[in-house]
PDB file of N, CA and C in Angstrom:
ATOM      1  N   MET A   1      47.629 141.609  60.940  1.00  0.00           N
ATOM      2  CA  MET A   1      47.314 140.263  60.502  1.00  0.00           C
ATOM      3  C   MET A   1      48.561 139.387  60.545  1.00  0.00           C
ATOM      4  N   ARG A   2      48.372 138.141  60.981  1.00  0.00           N
ATOM      5  CA  ARG A   2      49.488 137.203  61.030  1.00  0.00           C
ATOM      6  C   ARG A   2      49.620 136.483  59.696  1.00  0.00           C
ATOM      7  N   THR A   3      50.635 136.848  58.937  1.00  0.00           N
ATOM      8  CA  THR A   3      50.817 136.243  57.617  1.00  0.00           C
ATOM      9  C   THR A   3      51.265 134.796  57.706  1.00  0.00           C
ATOM     10  N   ASP A   4      51.883 134.383  58.818  1.00  0.00           N
ATOM     11  CA  ASP A   4      52.338 133.006  58.937  1.00  0.00           C
ATOM     12  C   ASP A   4      51.166 132.017  58.914  1.00  0.00           C
ATOM     13  N   LYS A   5      50.029 132.397  59.476  1.00  0.00           N
ATOM     14  CA  LYS A   5      48.845 131.528  59.454  1.00  0.00           C
ATOM     15  C   LYS A   5      48.298 131.401  58.032  1.00  0.00           C
ATOM     16  N   PHE A   6      48.329 132.500  57.279  1.00  0.00           N
ATOM     17  CA  PHE A   6      47.894 132.454  55.882  1.00  0.00           C
ATOM     18  C   PHE A   6      48.813 131.548  55.070  1.00  0.00           C
ATOM     19  N   GLU A   7      50.098 131.653  55.310  1.00  0.00           N
ATOM     20  CA  GLU A   7      51.066 130.818  54.588  1.00  0.00           C
ATOM     21  C   GLU A   7      50.881 129.342  54.945  1.00  0.00           C
ATOM     22  N   GLU A   8      50.654 129.071  56.210  1.00  0.00           N
ATOM     23  CA  GLU A   8      50.424 127.698  56.666  1.00  0.00           C
ATOM     24  C   GLU A   8      49.175 127.113  56.008  1.00  0.00           C
ATOM     25  N   ASN A   9      48.107 127.889  55.981  1.00  0.00           N
ATOM     26  CA  ASN A   9      46.868 127.425  55.348  1.00  0.00           C
ATOM     27  C   ASN A   9      47.037 127.251  53.846  1.00  0.00           C
ATOM     28  N   ALA A  10      47.781 128.125  53.211  1.00  0.00           N
ATOM     29  CA  ALA A  10      48.027 128.002  51.770  1.00  0.00           C
ATOM     30  C   ALA A  10      48.788 126.714  51.467  1.00  0.00           C
ATOM     31  N   LEU A  11      49.761 126.368  52.304  1.00  0.00           N
ATOM     32  CA  LEU A  11      50.502 125.107  52.123  1.00  0.00           C
ATOM     33  C   LEU A  11      49.579 123.905  52.274  1.00  0.00           C
ATOM     34  N   LEU A  12      48.681 123.977  53.239  1.00  0.00           N
ATOM     35  CA  LEU A  12      47.730 122.888  53.443  1.00  0.00           C
ATOM     36  C   LEU A  12      46.834 122.721  52.223  1.00  0.00           C
ATOM     37  N   PHE A  13      46.277 123.818  51.726  1.00  0.00           N
ATOM     38  CA  PHE A  13      45.419 123.733  50.545  1.00  0.00           C
ATOM     39  C   PHE A  13      46.189 123.262  49.317  1.00  0.00           C
ATOM     40  N   LYS A  14      47.423 123.672  49.209  1.00  0.00           N
ATOM     41  CA  LYS A  14      48.260 123.222  48.086  1.00  0.00           C
ATOM     42  C   LYS A  14      48.463 121.708  48.159  1.00  0.00           C
ATOM     43  N   ALA A  15      48.693 121.200  49.357  1.00  0.00           N
ATOM     44  CA  ALA A  15      48.872 119.753  49.532  1.00  0.00           C
ATOM     45  C   ALA A  15      47.591 118.993  49.216  1.00  0.00           C
ATOM     46  N   LEU A  16      46.462 119.568  49.570  1.00  0.00           N
ATOM     47  CA  LEU A  16      45.185 118.908  49.330  1.00  0.00           C
ATOM     48  C   LEU A  16      44.713 119.039  47.885  1.00  0.00           C
ATOM     49  N   ALA A  17      45.395 119.835  47.101  1.00  0.00           N
ATOM     50  CA  ALA A  17      44.980 120.102  45.726  1.00  0.00           C
ATOM     51  C   ALA A  17      45.427 119.018  44.748  1.00  0.00           C
ATOM     52  N   HIS A  18      45.832 117.874  45.239  1.00  0.00           N
ATOM     53  CA  HIS A  18      46.247 116.775  44.366  1.00  0.00           C
ATOM     54  C   HIS A  18      45.317 115.584  44.603  1.00  0.00           C
ATOM     55  N   PRO A  19      44.745 115.027  43.534  1.00  0.00           N
ATOM     56  CA  PRO A  19      43.768 113.942  43.703  1.00  0.00           C
ATOM     57  C   PRO A  19      44.332 112.720  44.433  1.00  0.00           C
ATOM     58  N   THR A  20      45.578 112.382  44.186  1.00  0.00           N
ATOM     59  CA  THR A  20      46.160 111.221  44.858  1.00  0.00           C
ATOM     60  C   THR A  20      46.273 111.457  46.354  1.00  0.00           C
ATOM     61  N   ARG A  21      46.658 112.660  46.751  1.00  0.00           N
ATOM     62  CA  ARG A  21      46.759 112.948  48.181  1.00  0.00           C
ATOM     63  C   ARG A  21      45.387 112.946  48.850  1.00  0.00           C
ATOM     64  N   LEU A  22      44.365 113.418  48.150  1.00  0.00           N
ATOM     65  CA  LEU A  22      42.999 113.332  48.693  1.00  0.00           C
ATOM     66  C   LEU A  22      42.590 111.868  48.878  1.00  0.00           C
ATOM     67  N   GLN A  23      42.952 111.030  47.919  1.00  0.00           N
ATOM     68  CA  GLN A  23      42.649 109.597  48.033  1.00  0.00           C
ATOM     69  C   GLN A  23      43.394 108.983  49.213  1.00  0.00           C
ATOM     70  N   ILE A  24      44.662 109.350  49.378  1.00  0.00           N
ATOM     71  CA  ILE A  24      45.472 108.812  50.474  1.00  0.00           C
ATOM     72  C   ILE A  24      44.854 109.191  51.816  1.00  0.00           C
ATOM     73  N   ILE A  25      44.502 110.449  51.978  1.00  0.00           N
ATOM     74  CA  ILE A  25      43.922 110.903  53.241  1.00  0.00           C
ATOM     75  C   ILE A  25      42.604 110.185  53.514  1.00  0.00           C
ATOM     76  N   THR A  26      41.771 110.056  52.500  1.00  0.00           N
ATOM     77  CA  THR A  26      40.495 109.366  52.659  1.00  0.00           C
ATOM     78  C   THR A  26      40.714 107.901  53.024  1.00  0.00           C
ATOM     79  N   LEU A  27      41.665 107.274  52.371  1.00  0.00           N
ATOM     80  CA  LEU A  27      41.979 105.869  52.648  1.00  0.00           C
ATOM     81  C   LEU A  27      42.479 105.688  54.079  1.00  0.00           C
ATOM     82  N   ILE A  28      43.375 106.552  54.508  1.00  0.00           N
ATOM     83  CA  ILE A  28      43.892 106.478  55.881  1.00  0.00           C
ATOM     84  C   ILE A  28      42.749 106.679  56.872  1.00  0.00           C
ATOM     85  N   ARG A  29      41.893 107.611  56.574  1.00  0.00           N
ATOM     86  CA  ARG A  29      40.764 107.903  57.470  1.00  0.00           C
ATOM     87  C   ARG A  29      39.818 106.715  57.594  1.00  0.00           C
ATOM     88  N   GLU A  30      39.537 106.069  56.474  1.00  0.00           N
ATOM     89  CA  GLU A  30      38.522 105.016  56.468  1.00  0.00           C
ATOM     90  C   GLU A  30      39.052 103.644  56.863  1.00  0.00           C
ATOM     91  N   LYS A  31      40.277 103.317  56.424  1.00  0.00           N
ATOM     92  CA  LYS A  31      40.750 101.941  56.595  1.00  0.00           C
ATOM     93  C   LYS A  31      42.058 101.812  57.379  1.00  0.00           C
ATOM     94  N   ARG A  32      42.828 102.883  57.435  1.00  0.00           N
ATOM     95  CA  ARG A  32      44.132 102.883  58.092  1.00  0.00           C
ATOM     96  C   ARG A  32      45.001 101.684  57.664  1.00  0.00           C
ATOM     97  N   PRO A  33      45.191 101.499  56.363  1.00  0.00           N
ATOM     98  CA  PRO A  33      46.006 100.371  55.904  1.00  0.00           C
ATOM     99  C   PRO A  33      47.496 100.671  56.066  1.00  0.00           C
ATOM    100  N   CYS A  34      48.303  99.620  56.061  1.00  0.00           N
ATOM    101  CA  CYS A  34      49.749  99.832  56.073  1.00  0.00           C
ATOM    102  C   CYS A  34      50.160 100.327  54.686  1.00  0.00           C
ATOM    103  N   VAL A  35      51.363 100.856  54.595  1.00  0.00           N
ATOM    104  CA  VAL A  35      51.840 101.453  53.345  1.00  0.00           C
ATOM    105  C   VAL A  35      51.801 100.436  52.202  1.00  0.00           C
ATOM    106  N   LYS A  36      52.197  99.214  52.472  1.00  0.00           N
ATOM    107  CA  LYS A  36      52.223  98.179  51.425  1.00  0.00           C
ATOM    108  C   LYS A  36      50.826  97.966  50.844  1.00  0.00           C
ATOM    109  N   ASN A  37      49.817  97.949  51.692  1.00  0.00           N
ATOM    110  CA  ASN A  37      48.449  97.776  51.201  1.00  0.00           C
ATOM    111  C   ASN A  37      47.958  99.005  50.446  1.00  0.00           C
ATOM    112  N   MET A  38      48.411 100.185  50.854  1.00  0.00           N
ATOM    113  CA  MET A  38      48.010 101.404  50.157  1.00  0.00           C
ATOM    114  C   MET A  38      48.446 101.381  48.703  1.00  0.00           C
ATOM    115  N   GLU A  39      49.646 100.857  48.452  1.00  0.00           N
ATOM    116  CA  GLU A  39      50.148 100.781  47.075  1.00  0.00           C
ATOM    117  C   GLU A  39      49.156 100.037  46.189  1.00  0.00           C
ATOM    118  N   GLY A  40      48.731  98.867  46.646  1.00  0.00           N
ATOM    119  CA  GLY A  40      47.808  98.059  45.861  1.00  0.00           C
ATOM    120  C   GLY A  40      46.440  98.687  45.712  1.00  0.00           C
ATOM    121  N   ILE A  41      45.927  99.256  46.784  1.00  0.00           N
ATOM    122  CA  ILE A  41      44.594  99.867  46.747  1.00  0.00           C
ATOM    123  C   ILE A  41      44.572 101.064  45.805  1.00  0.00           C
ATOM    124  N   LEU A  42      45.610 101.895  45.883  1.00  0.00           N
ATOM    125  CA  LEU A  42      45.659 103.108  45.061  1.00  0.00           C
ATOM    126  C   LEU A  42      46.199 102.852  43.653  1.00  0.00           C
ATOM    127  N   GLY A  43      46.902 101.737  43.482  1.00  0.00           N
ATOM    128  CA  GLY A  43      47.459 101.422  42.176  1.00  0.00           C
ATOM    129  C   GLY A  43      48.605 102.336  41.768  1.00  0.00           C
ATOM    130  N   ILE A  44      49.401 102.770  42.750  1.00  0.00           N
ATOM    131  CA  ILE A  44      50.560 103.608  42.450  1.00  0.00           C
ATOM    132  C   ILE A  44      51.813 102.938  42.981  1.00  0.00           C
ATOM    133  N   SER A  45      52.943 103.359  42.462  1.00  0.00           N
ATOM    134  CA  SER A  45      54.214 102.763  42.859  1.00  0.00           C
ATOM    135  C   SER A  45      54.611 103.196  44.269  1.00  0.00           C
ATOM    136  N   GLN A  46      55.474 102.416  44.894  1.00  0.00           N
ATOM    137  CA  GLN A  46      55.942 102.726  46.239  1.00  0.00           C
ATOM    138  C   GLN A  46      56.682 104.060  46.285  1.00  0.00           C
ATOM    139  N   PRO A  47      57.574 104.361  45.312  1.00  0.00           N
ATOM    140  CA  PRO A  47      58.237 105.674  45.356  1.00  0.00           C
ATOM    141  C   PRO A  47      57.256 106.844  45.241  1.00  0.00           C
ATOM    142  N   ASN A  48      56.247 106.699  44.386  1.00  0.00           N
ATOM    143  CA  ASN A  48      55.242 107.752  44.222  1.00  0.00           C
ATOM    144  C   ASN A  48      54.451 107.932  45.520  1.00  0.00           C
ATOM    145  N   LEU A  49      54.022 106.833  46.116  1.00  0.00           N
ATOM    146  CA  LEU A  49      53.288 106.885  47.381  1.00  0.00           C
ATOM    147  C   LEU A  49      54.149 107.524  48.469  1.00  0.00           C
ATOM    148  N   SER A  50      55.405 107.158  48.527  1.00  0.00           N
ATOM    149  CA  SER A  50      56.315 107.714  49.533  1.00  0.00           C
ATOM    150  C   SER A  50      56.456 109.225  49.399  1.00  0.00           C
ATOM    151  N   GLN A  51      56.510 109.721  48.170  1.00  0.00           N
ATOM    152  CA  GLN A  51      56.620 111.165  47.953  1.00  0.00           C
ATOM    153  C   GLN A  51      55.375 111.886  48.485  1.00  0.00           C
ATOM    154  N   HIS A  52      54.210 111.337  48.177  1.00  0.00           N
ATOM    155  CA  HIS A  52      52.970 111.957  48.637  1.00  0.00           C
ATOM    156  C   HIS A  52      52.876 111.917  50.166  1.00  0.00           C
ATOM    157  N   LEU A  53      53.197 110.767  50.756  1.00  0.00           N
ATOM    158  CA  LEU A  53      53.133 110.641  52.212  1.00  0.00           C
ATOM    159  C   LEU A  53      54.146 111.557  52.890  1.00  0.00           C
ATOM    160  N   SER A  54      55.304 111.694  52.295  1.00  0.00           N
ATOM    161  CA  SER A  54      56.339 112.576  52.848  1.00  0.00           C
ATOM    162  C   SER A  54      55.855 114.017  52.892  1.00  0.00           C
ATOM    163  N   LEU A  55      55.249 114.467  51.814  1.00  0.00           N
ATOM    164  CA  LEU A  55      54.723 115.831  51.778  1.00  0.00           C
ATOM    165  C   LEU A  55      53.641 116.020  52.840  1.00  0.00           C
ATOM    166  N   LEU A  56      52.716 115.068  52.938  1.00  0.00           N
ATOM    167  CA  LEU A  56      51.640 115.159  53.925  1.00  0.00           C
ATOM    168  C   LEU A  56      52.189 115.117  55.355  1.00  0.00           C
ATOM    169  N   ARG A  57      53.217 114.334  55.561  1.00  0.00           N
ATOM    170  CA  ARG A  57      53.848 114.246  56.883  1.00  0.00           C
ATOM    171  C   ARG A  57      54.578 115.543  57.224  1.00  0.00           C
ATOM    172  N   ASN A  58      55.285 116.114  56.258  1.00  0.00           N
ATOM    173  CA  ASN A  58      56.073 117.328  56.490  1.00  0.00           C
ATOM    174  C   ASN A  58      55.217 118.541  56.841  1.00  0.00           C
ATOM    175  N   ILE A  59      54.000 118.593  56.337  1.00  0.00           N
ATOM    176  CA  ILE A  59      53.137 119.734  56.685  1.00  0.00           C
ATOM    177  C   ILE A  59      52.192 119.411  57.837  1.00  0.00           C
ATOM    178  N   GLY A  60      52.335 118.208  58.410  1.00  0.00           N
ATOM    179  CA  GLY A  60      51.587 117.869  59.617  1.00  0.00           C
ATOM    180  C   GLY A  60      50.197 117.315  59.415  1.00  0.00           C
ATOM    181  N   VAL A  61      49.881 116.845  58.211  1.00  0.00           N
ATOM    182  CA  VAL A  61      48.552 116.280  57.962  1.00  0.00           C
ATOM    183  C   VAL A  61      48.466 114.856  58.514  1.00  0.00           C
ATOM    184  N   VAL A  62      49.522 114.074  58.318  1.00  0.00           N
ATOM    185  CA  VAL A  62      49.544 112.689  58.789  1.00  0.00           C
ATOM    186  C   VAL A  62      50.797 112.449  59.627  1.00  0.00           C
ATOM    187  N   GLU A  63      50.770 111.340  60.371  1.00  0.00           N
ATOM    188  CA  GLU A  63      51.955 110.908  61.100  1.00  0.00           C
ATOM    189  C   GLU A  63      52.086 109.405  60.947  1.00  0.00           C
ATOM    190  N   ALA A  64      53.323 108.924  61.004  1.00  0.00           N
ATOM    191  CA  ALA A  64      53.607 107.512  60.794  1.00  0.00           C
ATOM    192  C   ALA A  64      53.809 106.797  62.124  1.00  0.00           C
ATOM    193  N   LYS A  65      53.383 105.564  62.153  1.00  0.00           N
ATOM    194  CA  LYS A  65      53.612 104.670  63.294  1.00  0.00           C
ATOM    195  C   LYS A  65      54.192 103.376  62.742  1.00  0.00           C
ATOM    196  N   ARG A  66      55.298 102.959  63.305  1.00  0.00           N
ATOM    197  CA  ARG A  66      55.934 101.717  62.846  1.00  0.00           C
ATOM    198  C   ARG A  66      55.575 100.594  63.809  1.00  0.00           C
ATOM    199  N   GLU A  67      55.172  99.471  63.222  1.00  0.00           N
ATOM    200  CA  GLU A  67      54.904  98.246  63.977  1.00  0.00           C
ATOM    201  C   GLU A  67      55.676  97.131  63.292  1.00  0.00           C
ATOM    202  N   GLY A  68      56.807  96.775  63.874  1.00  0.00           N
ATOM    203  CA  GLY A  68      57.664  95.777  63.235  1.00  0.00           C
ATOM    204  C   GLY A  68      58.211  96.335  61.942  1.00  0.00           C
ATOM    205  N   ASN A  69      57.985  95.621  60.850  1.00  0.00           N
ATOM    206  CA  ASN A  69      58.482  96.098  59.555  1.00  0.00           C
ATOM    207  C   ASN A  69      57.406  96.806  58.741  1.00  0.00           C
ATOM    208  N   GLN A  70      56.247  97.064  59.360  1.00  0.00           N
ATOM    209  CA  GLN A  70      55.173  97.754  58.658  1.00  0.00           C
ATOM    210  C   GLN A  70      55.012  99.174  59.192  1.00  0.00           C
ATOM    211  N   VAL A  71      54.637 100.068  58.275  1.00  0.00           N
ATOM    212  CA  VAL A  71      54.401 101.462  58.636  1.00  0.00           C
ATOM    213  C   VAL A  71      52.934 101.769  58.394  1.00  0.00           C
ATOM    214  N   TRP A  72      52.309 102.348  59.408  1.00  0.00           N
ATOM    215  CA  TRP A  72      50.908 102.729  59.363  1.00  0.00           C
ATOM    216  C   TRP A  72      50.835 104.231  59.499  1.00  0.00           C
ATOM    217  N   TYR A  73      49.878 104.834  58.844  1.00  0.00           N
ATOM    218  CA  TYR A  73      49.687 106.282  58.953  1.00  0.00           C
ATOM    219  C   TYR A  73      48.341 106.574  59.595  1.00  0.00           C
ATOM    220  N   GLN A  74      48.302 107.688  60.303  1.00  0.00           N
ATOM    221  CA  GLN A  74      47.042 108.173  60.849  1.00  0.00           C
ATOM    222  C   GLN A  74      46.977 109.671  60.630  1.00  0.00           C
ATOM    223  N   ILE A  75      45.766 110.189  60.653  1.00  0.00           N
ATOM    224  CA  ILE A  75      45.570 111.620  60.458  1.00  0.00           C
ATOM    225  C   ILE A  75      46.012 112.346  61.722  1.00  0.00           C
ATOM    226  N   LYS A  76      46.880 113.302  61.560  1.00  0.00           N
ATOM    227  CA  LYS A  76      47.368 114.092  62.692  1.00  0.00           C
ATOM    228  C   LYS A  76      46.584 115.397  62.821  1.00  0.00           C
ATOM    229  N   ASN A  77      46.305 116.034  61.694  1.00  0.00           N
ATOM    230  CA  ASN A  77      45.607 117.316  61.674  1.00  0.00           C
ATOM    231  C   ASN A  77      44.112 117.061  61.472  1.00  0.00           C
ATOM    232  N   LYS A  78      43.356 117.105  62.547  1.00  0.00           N
ATOM    233  CA  LYS A  78      41.920 116.807  62.483  1.00  0.00           C
ATOM    234  C   LYS A  78      41.136 117.862  61.708  1.00  0.00           C
ATOM    235  N   GLN A  79      41.700 119.051  61.532  1.00  0.00           N
ATOM    236  CA  GLN A  79      41.057 120.094  60.723  1.00  0.00           C
ATOM    237  C   GLN A  79      40.892 119.620  59.272  1.00  0.00           C
ATOM    238  N   VAL A  80      41.832 118.818  58.811  1.00  0.00           N
ATOM    239  CA  VAL A  80      41.764 118.300  57.442  1.00  0.00           C
ATOM    240  C   VAL A  80      40.513 117.451  57.266  1.00  0.00           C
ATOM    241  N   LEU A  81      40.169 116.681  58.291  1.00  0.00           N
ATOM    242  CA  LEU A  81      38.971 115.848  58.207  1.00  0.00           C
ATOM    243  C   LEU A  81      37.723 116.705  58.087  1.00  0.00           C
ATOM    244  N   LYS A  82      37.683 117.813  58.796  1.00  0.00           N
ATOM    245  CA  LYS A  82      36.548 118.734  58.687  1.00  0.00           C
ATOM    246  C   LYS A  82      36.468 119.326  57.290  1.00  0.00           C
ATOM    247  N   LEU A  83      37.622 119.695  56.734  1.00  0.00           N
ATOM    248  CA  LEU A  83      37.648 120.223  55.364  1.00  0.00           C
ATOM    249  C   LEU A  83      37.132 119.195  54.369  1.00  0.00           C
ATOM    250  N   LEU A  84      37.560 117.956  54.523  1.00  0.00           N
ATOM    251  CA  LEU A  84      37.123 116.906  53.611  1.00  0.00           C
ATOM    252  C   LEU A  84      35.625 116.630  53.753  1.00  0.00           C
ATOM    253  N   ASP A  85      35.112 116.706  54.978  1.00  0.00           N
ATOM    254  CA  ASP A  85      33.665 116.527  55.180  1.00  0.00           C
ATOM    255  C   ASP A  85      32.897 117.574  54.397  1.00  0.00           C
ATOM    256  N   VAL A  86      33.337 118.812  54.440  1.00  0.00           N
ATOM    257  CA  VAL A  86      32.677 119.888  53.712  1.00  0.00           C
ATOM    258  C   VAL A  86      32.845 119.679  52.205  1.00  0.00           C
ATOM    259  N   LEU A  87      34.029 119.317  51.804  1.00  0.00           N
ATOM    260  CA  LEU A  87      34.330 119.144  50.388  1.00  0.00           C
ATOM    261  C   LEU A  87      33.500 118.041  49.740  1.00  0.00           C
ATOM    262  N   PHE A  88      33.299 116.950  50.461  1.00  0.00           N
ATOM    263  CA  PHE A  88      32.629 115.802  49.869  1.00  0.00           C
ATOM    264  C   PHE A  88      31.153 115.691  50.227  1.00  0.00           C
ATOM    265  N   GLN A  89      30.561 116.749  50.791  1.00  0.00           N
ATOM    266  CA  GLN A  89      29.127 116.753  51.096  1.00  0.00           C
ATOM    267  C   GLN A  89      28.320 116.812  49.830  1.00  0.00           C
TER     268      GLN A  89
END
């Protein structure tokens, strides 16, 4: 058995086990707002949002795209979307 795949999946589930990160992923999926708009929609501070986005980016769930002075995120790991579909059915 390949333990690295189990460890990778455990990290993914650990990242998804936070309500704010689930909200962020859902928001990115549905509206793809820039980071500044995410702060207002989620009602969290910019440093808090940055920490959550950094974690999601580091494990490959999302990726950032810069357009001028704005940063937009999109879902990179499409498996996460399938998990969320099952979770929220």
